[in-house]
Amino acid sequence: MKCVLTIAGSDCSGGAGIQADMKTMQANGVYAMSAVTALTAQNTTGVYGIMEASPEFLENQLNCIFEDIFPDAVKIGMVSSARLIEVIADSLVKWKARNIVVDPVMVSTSGSRLLEEEAQEALKERLLPLASVITPNIPEAEALTDQQISGEKEMEDAARRLGELYQGGVLIKGGHQISDANDLLYYKGETTWFRGERIDNPNTHGTGCTLSSAIASNLAKGYSMEESIRRAKAYISGALRAGLDLGKGSGPMDHGWAIPEIKL
């Protein structure tokens, strides 16, 4: 079995963060491991507190994972401080990690800021250059490029700029401001649109975490970048189509929609 590591924050409500990552990885047929960057007090209505892991403890977690069960892919989500970003980058280089998917989490679905201002530069300088692919949404792509994105042409321009800057793949997710499901990949000098299904479901808590984890899972299994994204989008479409409705705000998806119920 292929193994995938998520480096991210915990979501006590289970819809995003490492909980969503590990559910997604299990559903996509890989063994999931986690290194926790922070505990968050959150639910479907917002983020109400963040308690960050110490750099020393995060490094300890990463060493324990890499020296024992080496991951075939790594997904990086919420990292709220420059000190933790430095630890992660140093560890990825030290252990020669492969198939690195970076979801540059800056703002939660509910609108709460999850990345400290000073950490943004560390993210751009240390983590993004190591990524096999980065998966920003529209607001995050705007923050990374300092340009406004209001349509598909601007998405293509931003993806190309980021791809030429960081050399890895860039998948800009069109779910914010542009469309419901059309994403754009810039990879090895070429652009590819992934036209997704428009699904009427307001419960989108953790969609970014879920998509990036599904991509990492499929890269770990040996699929190409394009095929990994296609499979990930098909998985997330199924999770949204399942119509799970929990919580008072933007609720979680059904990560286990394709897993059959055990009948005893």
C-alpha atoms as a PDB file:
ATOM      1  CA  MET A   1       0.000   0.000   0.000  1.00  0.00           C
ATOM      2  CA  LYS A   2       1.215   3.480  -0.862  1.00  0.00           C
ATOM      3  CA  CYS A   3       1.597   5.934   2.024  1.00  0.00           C
ATOM      4  CA  VAL A   4       0.794   9.661   2.120  1.00  0.00           C
ATOM      5  CA  LEU A   5       1.664  12.222   4.788  1.00  0.00           C
ATOM      6  CA  THR A   6      -0.440  15.280   5.535  1.00  0.00           C
ATOM      7  CA  ILE A   7       1.228  18.196   7.291  1.00  0.00           C
ATOM      8  CA  ALA A   8      -1.591  20.464   8.381  1.00  0.00           C
ATOM      9  CA  GLY A   9      -3.755  21.787  11.178  1.00  0.00           C
ATOM     10  CA  SER A  10      -6.426  19.833  13.015  1.00  0.00           C
ATOM     11  CA  ASP A  11     -10.125  20.632  12.521  1.00  0.00           C
ATOM     12  CA  CYS A  12     -12.022  19.451  15.589  1.00  0.00           C
ATOM     13  CA  SER A  13     -15.288  19.446  13.597  1.00  0.00           C
ATOM     14  CA  GLY A  14     -13.831  16.938  11.153  1.00  0.00           C
ATOM     15  CA  GLY A  15     -14.617  18.640   7.862  1.00  0.00           C
ATOM     16  CA  ALA A  16     -11.251  20.164   6.953  1.00  0.00           C
ATOM     17  CA  GLY A  17      -7.580  19.960   7.972  1.00  0.00           C
ATOM     18  CA  ILE A  18      -5.922  16.680   8.818  1.00  0.00           C
ATOM     19  CA  GLN A  19      -9.247  15.005   9.526  1.00  0.00           C
ATOM     20  CA  ALA A  20     -10.486  15.682   5.998  1.00  0.00           C
ATOM     21  CA  ASP A  21      -7.065  14.803   4.594  1.00  0.00           C
ATOM     22  CA  MET A  22      -6.928  11.404   6.265  1.00  0.00           C
ATOM     23  CA  LYS A  23     -10.526  10.544   5.355  1.00  0.00           C
ATOM     24  CA  THR A  24      -9.762  11.468   1.744  1.00  0.00           C
ATOM     25  CA  MET A  25      -6.566   9.436   1.665  1.00  0.00           C
ATOM     26  CA  GLN A  26      -8.297   6.379   3.116  1.00  0.00           C
ATOM     27  CA  ALA A  27     -11.094   6.682   0.570  1.00  0.00           C
ATOM     28  CA  ASN A  28      -8.523   6.937  -2.228  1.00  0.00           C
ATOM     29  CA  GLY A  29      -6.787   3.738  -1.229  1.00  0.00           C
ATOM     30  CA  VAL A  30      -3.601   4.904   0.479  1.00  0.00           C
ATOM     31  CA  TYR A  31      -2.298   4.711   4.034  1.00  0.00           C
ATOM     32  CA  ALA A  32      -2.601   8.111   5.737  1.00  0.00           C
ATOM     33  CA  MET A  33      -0.180   9.680   8.222  1.00  0.00           C
ATOM     34  CA  SER A  34      -0.192  13.142   9.786  1.00  0.00           C
ATOM     35  CA  ALA A  35       2.077  15.743  11.333  1.00  0.00           C
ATOM     36  CA  VAL A  36      -0.023  18.329  13.163  1.00  0.00           C
ATOM     37  CA  THR A  37       1.009  21.964  12.767  1.00  0.00           C
ATOM     38  CA  ALA A  38      -1.730  23.384  14.980  1.00  0.00           C
ATOM     39  CA  LEU A  39      -4.898  22.588  16.881  1.00  0.00           C
ATOM     40  CA  THR A  40      -7.850  24.705  15.852  1.00  0.00           C
ATOM     41  CA  ALA A  41     -11.157  25.316  17.589  1.00  0.00           C
ATOM     42  CA  GLN A  42     -13.516  25.547  14.632  1.00  0.00           C
ATOM     43  CA  ASN A  43     -16.773  24.361  13.180  1.00  0.00           C
ATOM     44  CA  THR A  44     -18.880  25.047  10.113  1.00  0.00           C
ATOM     45  CA  THR A  45     -19.431  28.684  11.150  1.00  0.00           C
ATOM     46  CA  GLY A  46     -15.816  29.779  11.650  1.00  0.00           C
ATOM     47  CA  VAL A  47     -12.438  29.426  13.336  1.00  0.00           C
ATOM     48  CA  TYR A  48     -12.497  30.408  17.014  1.00  0.00           C
ATOM     49  CA  GLY A  49      -8.982  29.592  18.170  1.00  0.00           C
ATOM     50  CA  ILE A  50      -5.583  28.335  17.015  1.00  0.00           C
ATOM     51  CA  MET A  51      -2.950  26.678  19.216  1.00  0.00           C
ATOM     52  CA  GLU A  52       0.238  26.187  17.240  1.00  0.00           C
ATOM     53  CA  ALA A  53       2.635  23.279  17.641  1.00  0.00           C
ATOM     54  CA  SER A  54       6.175  24.169  18.624  1.00  0.00           C
ATOM     55  CA  PRO A  55       8.812  23.940  15.884  1.00  0.00           C
ATOM     56  CA  GLU A  56      10.670  21.331  17.926  1.00  0.00           C
ATOM     57  CA  PHE A  57       7.628  19.106  18.278  1.00  0.00           C
ATOM     58  CA  LEU A  58       6.709  19.407  14.604  1.00  0.00           C
ATOM     59  CA  GLU A  59      10.250  18.408  13.642  1.00  0.00           C
ATOM     60  CA  ASN A  60       9.992  15.440  16.008  1.00  0.00           C
ATOM     61  CA  GLN A  61       6.775  14.304  14.319  1.00  0.00           C
ATOM     62  CA  LEU A  62       8.322  14.575  10.860  1.00  0.00           C
ATOM     63  CA  ASN A  63      11.455  12.665  11.831  1.00  0.00           C
ATOM     64  CA  CYS A  64       9.359   9.882  13.358  1.00  0.00           C
ATOM     65  CA  ILE A  65       7.385   9.499  10.144  1.00  0.00           C
ATOM     66  CA  PHE A  66      10.180   9.723   7.589  1.00  0.00           C
ATOM     67  CA  GLU A  67      12.599   7.414   9.397  1.00  0.00           C
ATOM     68  CA  ASP A  68      10.014   4.653   9.806  1.00  0.00           C
ATOM     69  CA  ILE A  69       7.241   4.753   7.157  1.00  0.00           C
ATOM     70  CA  PHE A  70       8.558   6.849   4.291  1.00  0.00           C
ATOM     71  CA  PRO A  71       5.665   8.564   2.480  1.00  0.00           C
ATOM     72  CA  ASP A  72       5.168   8.216  -1.266  1.00  0.00           C
ATOM     73  CA  ALA A  73       3.626  11.703  -1.321  1.00  0.00           C
ATOM     74  CA  VAL A  74       3.282  14.673   1.025  1.00  0.00           C
ATOM     75  CA  LYS A  75       0.380  17.107   1.250  1.00  0.00           C
ATOM     76  CA  ILE A  76       0.970  20.398   3.081  1.00  0.00           C
ATOM     77  CA  GLY A  77      -1.984  22.448   4.254  1.00  0.00           C
ATOM     78  CA  MET A  78      -2.366  25.008   7.019  1.00  0.00           C
ATOM     79  CA  VAL A  79       0.950  26.275   8.409  1.00  0.00           C
ATOM     80  CA  SER A  80       0.367  29.522  10.248  1.00  0.00           C
ATOM     81  CA  SER A  81       3.878  30.756  11.082  1.00  0.00           C
ATOM     82  CA  ALA A  82       7.245  31.267   9.418  1.00  0.00           C
ATOM     83  CA  ARG A  83       9.040  29.177  12.073  1.00  0.00           C
ATOM     84  CA  LEU A  84       6.975  26.100  11.245  1.00  0.00           C
ATOM     85  CA  ILE A  85       7.392  26.640   7.510  1.00  0.00           C
ATOM     86  CA  GLU A  86      11.160  26.651   7.975  1.00  0.00           C
ATOM     87  CA  VAL A  87      10.995  23.342   9.875  1.00  0.00           C
ATOM     88  CA  ILE A  88       8.864  21.725   7.181  1.00  0.00           C
ATOM     89  CA  ALA A  89      11.051  22.940   4.324  1.00  0.00           C
ATOM     90  CA  ASP A  90      14.233  21.797   6.057  1.00  0.00           C
ATOM     91  CA  SER A  91      12.703  18.368   6.734  1.00  0.00           C
ATOM     92  CA  LEU A  92      11.488  17.884   3.159  1.00  0.00           C
ATOM     93  CA  VAL A  93      14.967  18.672   1.859  1.00  0.00           C
ATOM     94  CA  LYS A  94      16.679  16.534   4.496  1.00  0.00           C
ATOM     95  CA  TRP A  95      14.563  13.468   3.778  1.00  0.00           C
ATOM     96  CA  LYS A  96      14.356  14.042  -0.004  1.00  0.00           C
ATOM     97  CA  ALA A  97      10.552  13.934   0.032  1.00  0.00           C
ATOM     98  CA  ARG A  98       8.762  13.367  -3.267  1.00  0.00           C
ATOM     99  CA  ASN A  99       5.364  14.172  -4.785  1.00  0.00           C
ATOM    100  CA  ILE A 100       4.849  17.284  -2.660  1.00  0.00           C
ATOM    101  CA  VAL A 101       1.434  18.951  -2.937  1.00  0.00           C
ATOM    102  CA  VAL A 102       1.194  22.372  -1.295  1.00  0.00           C
ATOM    103  CA  ASP A 103      -2.230  23.835  -0.631  1.00  0.00           C
ATOM    104  CA  PRO A 104      -1.298  27.413   0.360  1.00  0.00           C
ATOM    105  CA  VAL A 105      -4.030  27.798   2.976  1.00  0.00           C
ATOM    106  CA  MET A 106      -4.382  31.491   3.774  1.00  0.00           C
ATOM    107  CA  VAL A 107      -8.114  31.943   4.377  1.00  0.00           C
ATOM    108  CA  SER A 108     -10.716  29.400   5.550  1.00  0.00           C
ATOM    109  CA  THR A 109     -13.966  28.754   3.673  1.00  0.00           C
ATOM    110  CA  SER A 110     -15.752  30.808   6.350  1.00  0.00           C
ATOM    111  CA  GLY A 111     -13.412  33.765   5.726  1.00  0.00           C
ATOM    112  CA  SER A 112     -11.064  33.443   8.718  1.00  0.00           C
ATOM    113  CA  ARG A 113      -7.404  34.261   8.068  1.00  0.00           C
ATOM    114  CA  LEU A 114      -5.217  31.220   8.818  1.00  0.00           C
ATOM    115  CA  LEU A 115      -1.774  32.451   7.753  1.00  0.00           C
ATOM    116  CA  GLU A 116       0.171  35.127   9.584  1.00  0.00           C
ATOM    117  CA  GLU A 117       1.344  38.012   7.394  1.00  0.00           C
ATOM    118  CA  GLU A 118       5.045  37.303   8.004  1.00  0.00           C
ATOM    119  CA  ALA A 119       4.548  33.638   7.152  1.00  0.00           C
ATOM    120  CA  GLN A 120       3.451  34.434   3.605  1.00  0.00           C
ATOM    121  CA  GLU A 121       6.967  35.358   2.527  1.00  0.00           C
ATOM    122  CA  ALA A 122       8.394  32.185   4.097  1.00  0.00           C
ATOM    123  CA  LEU A 123       5.774  30.166   2.246  1.00  0.00           C
ATOM    124  CA  LYS A 124       6.758  31.767  -1.066  1.00  0.00           C
ATOM    125  CA  GLU A 125      10.510  31.492  -0.473  1.00  0.00           C
ATOM    126  CA  ARG A 126      10.824  28.072   1.192  1.00  0.00           C
ATOM    127  CA  LEU A 127       7.835  25.792   0.546  1.00  0.00           C
ATOM    128  CA  LEU A 128       6.471  26.676  -2.878  1.00  0.00           C
ATOM    129  CA  PRO A 129       9.812  26.076  -4.657  1.00  0.00           C
ATOM    130  CA  LEU A 130       9.798  22.489  -3.298  1.00  0.00           C
ATOM    131  CA  ALA A 131       6.306  21.645  -4.521  1.00  0.00           C
ATOM    132  CA  SER A 132       5.451  19.227  -7.297  1.00  0.00           C
ATOM    133  CA  VAL A 133       2.192  21.174  -7.555  1.00  0.00           C
ATOM    134  CA  ILE A 134       0.557  24.022  -5.656  1.00  0.00           C
ATOM    135  CA  THR A 135      -3.236  24.365  -5.437  1.00  0.00           C
ATOM    136  CA  PRO A 136      -4.269  27.954  -4.647  1.00  0.00           C
ATOM    137  CA  ASN A 137      -7.839  29.163  -4.928  1.00  0.00           C
ATOM    138  CA  ILE A 138      -8.579  32.516  -6.562  1.00  0.00           C
ATOM    139  CA  PRO A 139      -7.962  34.718  -3.473  1.00  0.00           C
ATOM    140  CA  GLU A 140      -4.757  32.830  -2.707  1.00  0.00           C
ATOM    141  CA  ALA A 141      -3.535  33.109  -6.297  1.00  0.00           C
ATOM    142  CA  GLU A 142      -4.243  36.839  -6.137  1.00  0.00           C
ATOM    143  CA  ALA A 143      -2.200  37.122  -2.939  1.00  0.00           C
ATOM    144  CA  LEU A 144       0.700  35.161  -4.425  1.00  0.00           C
ATOM    145  CA  THR A 145       0.804  37.182  -7.659  1.00  0.00           C
ATOM    146  CA  ASP A 146      -0.379  40.598  -6.435  1.00  0.00           C
ATOM    147  CA  GLN A 147      -2.835  40.723  -9.326  1.00  0.00           C
ATOM    148  CA  GLN A 148      -6.605  40.652  -9.549  1.00  0.00           C
ATOM    149  CA  ILE A 149      -8.239  37.631 -11.157  1.00  0.00           C
ATOM    150  CA  SER A 150     -11.672  38.223 -12.619  1.00  0.00           C
ATOM    151  CA  GLY A 151     -11.878  35.708 -15.445  1.00  0.00           C
ATOM    152  CA  GLU A 152     -10.275  32.782 -17.215  1.00  0.00           C
ATOM    153  CA  LYS A 153      -7.638  34.875 -18.997  1.00  0.00           C
ATOM    154  CA  GLU A 154      -6.436  36.265 -15.656  1.00  0.00           C
ATOM    155  CA  MET A 155      -6.378  32.728 -14.252  1.00  0.00           C
ATOM    156  CA  GLU A 156      -4.138  31.636 -17.130  1.00  0.00           C
ATOM    157  CA  ASP A 157      -1.831  34.624 -16.657  1.00  0.00           C
ATOM    158  CA  ALA A 158      -1.530  34.009 -12.901  1.00  0.00           C
ATOM    159  CA  ALA A 159      -0.923  30.269 -13.336  1.00  0.00           C
ATOM    160  CA  ARG A 160       1.779  30.932 -15.905  1.00  0.00           C
ATOM    161  CA  ARG A 161       3.494  33.486 -13.672  1.00  0.00           C
ATOM    162  CA  LEU A 162       3.504  31.146 -10.703  1.00  0.00           C
ATOM    163  CA  GLY A 163       4.572  28.161 -12.799  1.00  0.00           C
ATOM    164  CA  GLU A 164       7.533  30.019 -14.258  1.00  0.00           C
ATOM    165  CA  LEU A 165       8.488  31.289 -10.814  1.00  0.00           C
ATOM    166  CA  TYR A 166       8.336  27.968  -8.948  1.00  0.00           C
ATOM    167  CA  GLN A 167       8.935  25.419 -11.735  1.00  0.00           C
ATOM    168  CA  GLY A 168       6.378  22.921 -10.391  1.00  0.00           C
ATOM    169  CA  GLY A 169       2.750  22.582 -11.421  1.00  0.00           C
ATOM    170  CA  VAL A 170       0.164  25.221 -10.540  1.00  0.00           C
ATOM    171  CA  LEU A 171      -3.513  24.296 -10.200  1.00  0.00           C
ATOM    172  CA  ILE A 172      -5.684  27.378  -9.705  1.00  0.00           C
ATOM    173  CA  LYS A 173      -9.095  26.393  -8.391  1.00  0.00           C
ATOM    174  CA  GLY A 174     -11.932  28.338  -9.933  1.00  0.00           C
ATOM    175  CA  GLY A 175     -14.481  27.854  -7.181  1.00  0.00           C
ATOM    176  CA  HIS A 176     -14.049  31.392  -5.825  1.00  0.00           C
ATOM    177  CA  GLN A 177     -15.416  34.292  -7.923  1.00  0.00           C
ATOM    178  CA  ILE A 178     -14.968  32.642 -11.325  1.00  0.00           C
ATOM    179  CA  SER A 179     -17.062  29.470 -11.484  1.00  0.00           C
ATOM    180  CA  ASP A 180     -18.145  26.536  -9.405  1.00  0.00           C
ATOM    181  CA  ALA A 181     -15.876  23.821 -10.674  1.00  0.00           C
ATOM    182  CA  ASN A 182     -13.464  24.775 -13.473  1.00  0.00           C
ATOM    183  CA  ASP A 183      -9.793  24.524 -12.497  1.00  0.00           C
ATOM    184  CA  LEU A 184      -6.685  25.421 -14.479  1.00  0.00           C
ATOM    185  CA  LEU A 185      -3.368  23.564 -14.450  1.00  0.00           C
ATOM    186  CA  TYR A 186      -0.121  25.095 -15.694  1.00  0.00           C
ATOM    187  CA  TYR A 187       2.468  22.311 -15.879  1.00  0.00           C
ATOM    188  CA  LYS A 188       5.681  21.992 -17.859  1.00  0.00           C
ATOM    189  CA  GLY A 189       4.836  25.000 -19.999  1.00  0.00           C
ATOM    190  CA  GLU A 190       1.321  23.896 -20.937  1.00  0.00           C
ATOM    191  CA  THR A 191      -2.112  24.883 -19.660  1.00  0.00           C
ATOM    192  CA  THR A 192      -4.929  22.394 -19.174  1.00  0.00           C
ATOM    193  CA  TRP A 193      -8.491  23.211 -18.141  1.00  0.00           C
ATOM    194  CA  PHE A 194     -10.415  20.752 -15.996  1.00  0.00           C
ATOM    195  CA  ARG A 195     -14.091  21.459 -16.538  1.00  0.00           C
ATOM    196  CA  GLY A 196     -15.959  20.277 -13.499  1.00  0.00           C
ATOM    197  CA  GLU A 197     -19.565  19.446 -12.819  1.00  0.00           C
ATOM    198  CA  ARG A 198     -21.666  22.256 -11.331  1.00  0.00           C
ATOM    199  CA  ILE A 199     -23.195  20.758  -8.180  1.00  0.00           C
ATOM    200  CA  ASP A 200     -25.802  22.665  -6.178  1.00  0.00           C
ATOM    201  CA  ASN A 201     -24.433  22.117  -2.681  1.00  0.00           C
ATOM    202  CA  PRO A 202     -23.627  25.010  -0.301  1.00  0.00           C
ATOM    203  CA  ASN A 203     -21.710  22.709   2.032  1.00  0.00           C
ATOM    204  CA  THR A 204     -18.111  23.169   0.884  1.00  0.00           C
ATOM    205  CA  HIS A 205     -16.183  23.133   4.170  1.00  0.00           C
ATOM    206  CA  GLY A 206     -12.799  21.545   3.491  1.00  0.00           C
ATOM    207  CA  THR A 207     -13.004  21.318  -0.299  1.00  0.00           C
ATOM    208  CA  GLY A 208      -9.457  22.638  -0.754  1.00  0.00           C
ATOM    209  CA  CYS A 209      -8.022  20.206   1.780  1.00  0.00           C
ATOM    210  CA  THR A 210      -9.911  17.352   0.177  1.00  0.00           C
ATOM    211  CA  LEU A 211      -8.861  18.105  -3.401  1.00  0.00           C
ATOM    212  CA  SER A 212      -5.162  18.489  -2.588  1.00  0.00           C
ATOM    213  CA  SER A 213      -5.178  15.299  -0.502  1.00  0.00           C
ATOM    214  CA  ALA A 214      -6.834  13.366  -3.308  1.00  0.00           C
ATOM    215  CA  ILE A 215      -4.226  14.669  -5.764  1.00  0.00           C
ATOM    216  CA  ALA A 216      -1.409  13.597  -3.417  1.00  0.00           C
ATOM    217  CA  SER A 217      -3.005  10.159  -3.025  1.00  0.00           C
ATOM    218  CA  ASN A 218      -3.120   9.609  -6.764  1.00  0.00           C
ATOM    219  CA  LEU A 219       0.411  10.898  -7.314  1.00  0.00           C
ATOM    220  CA  ALA A 220       1.545   8.400  -4.670  1.00  0.00           C
ATOM    221  CA  LYS A 221      -0.132   5.619  -6.642  1.00  0.00           C
ATOM    222  CA  GLY A 222       1.875   6.561  -9.733  1.00  0.00           C
ATOM    223  CA  TYR A 223      -0.665   8.460 -11.813  1.00  0.00           C
ATOM    224  CA  SER A 224       0.462  11.410 -13.907  1.00  0.00           C
ATOM    225  CA  MET A 225      -0.187  14.955 -12.729  1.00  0.00           C
ATOM    226  CA  GLU A 226      -3.109  15.404 -15.123  1.00  0.00           C
ATOM    227  CA  GLU A 227      -4.689  12.046 -14.296  1.00  0.00           C
ATOM    228  CA  SER A 228      -4.210  12.607 -10.558  1.00  0.00           C
ATOM    229  CA  ILE A 229      -6.144  15.869 -10.841  1.00  0.00           C
ATOM    230  CA  ARG A 230      -8.903  14.282 -12.941  1.00  0.00           C
ATOM    231  CA  ARG A 231      -9.340  11.492 -10.425  1.00  0.00           C
ATOM    232  CA  ALA A 232      -9.271  13.945  -7.510  1.00  0.00           C
ATOM    233  CA  LYS A 233     -11.965  16.111  -9.103  1.00  0.00           C
ATOM    234  CA  ALA A 234     -14.144  13.058  -9.750  1.00  0.00           C
ATOM    235  CA  TYR A 235     -13.781  12.073  -6.097  1.00  0.00           C
ATOM    236  CA  ILE A 236     -14.681  15.522  -4.762  1.00  0.00           C
ATOM    237  CA  SER A 237     -17.657  15.746  -7.138  1.00  0.00           C
ATOM    238  CA  GLY A 238     -18.969  12.511  -5.668  1.00  0.00           C
ATOM    239  CA  ALA A 239     -18.437  13.788  -2.138  1.00  0.00           C
ATOM    240  CA  LEU A 240     -20.413  16.953  -2.919  1.00  0.00           C
ATOM    241  CA  ARG A 241     -23.117  15.086  -4.838  1.00  0.00           C
ATOM    242  CA  ALA A 242     -23.732  12.849  -1.801  1.00  0.00           C
ATOM    243  CA  GLY A 243     -25.468  15.845  -0.210  1.00  0.00           C
ATOM    244  CA  LEU A 244     -24.325  15.550   3.392  1.00  0.00           C
ATOM    245  CA  ASP A 245     -25.885  18.375   5.435  1.00  0.00           C
ATOM    246  CA  LEU A 246     -24.362  18.959   8.872  1.00  0.00           C
ATOM    247  CA  GLY A 247     -23.842  22.071  10.973  1.00  0.00           C
ATOM    248  CA  LYS A 248     -25.205  25.602  10.967  1.00  0.00           C
ATOM    249  CA  GLY A 249     -22.764  27.050   8.417  1.00  0.00           C
ATOM    250  CA  SER A 250     -20.909  25.745   5.379  1.00  0.00           C
ATOM    251  CA  GLY A 251     -20.935  22.059   6.234  1.00  0.00           C
ATOM    252  CA  PRO A 252     -18.546  19.211   5.413  1.00  0.00           C
ATOM    253  CA  MET A 253     -18.714  16.793   2.513  1.00  0.00           C
ATOM    254  CA  ASP A 254     -19.245  13.045   2.679  1.00  0.00           C
ATOM    255  CA  HIS A 255     -15.649  11.845   2.328  1.00  0.00           C
ATOM    256  CA  GLY A 256     -16.713   8.219   2.534  1.00  0.00           C
ATOM    257  CA  TRP A 257     -19.331   8.374  -0.209  1.00  0.00           C
ATOM    258  CA  ALA A 258     -17.648   5.626  -2.242  1.00  0.00           C
ATOM    259  CA  ILE A 259     -16.878   3.328   0.703  1.00  0.00           C
ATOM    260  CA  PRO A 260     -19.490   0.567   1.048  1.00  0.00           C
ATOM    261  CA  GLU A 261     -21.153   0.123   4.418  1.00  0.00           C
ATOM    262  CA  ILE A 262     -19.967  -2.907   6.353  1.00  0.00           C
ATOM    263  CA  LYS A 263     -22.847  -5.321   6.850  1.00  0.00           C
ATOM    264  CA  LEU A 264     -22.423  -7.673   9.785  1.00  0.00           C
END
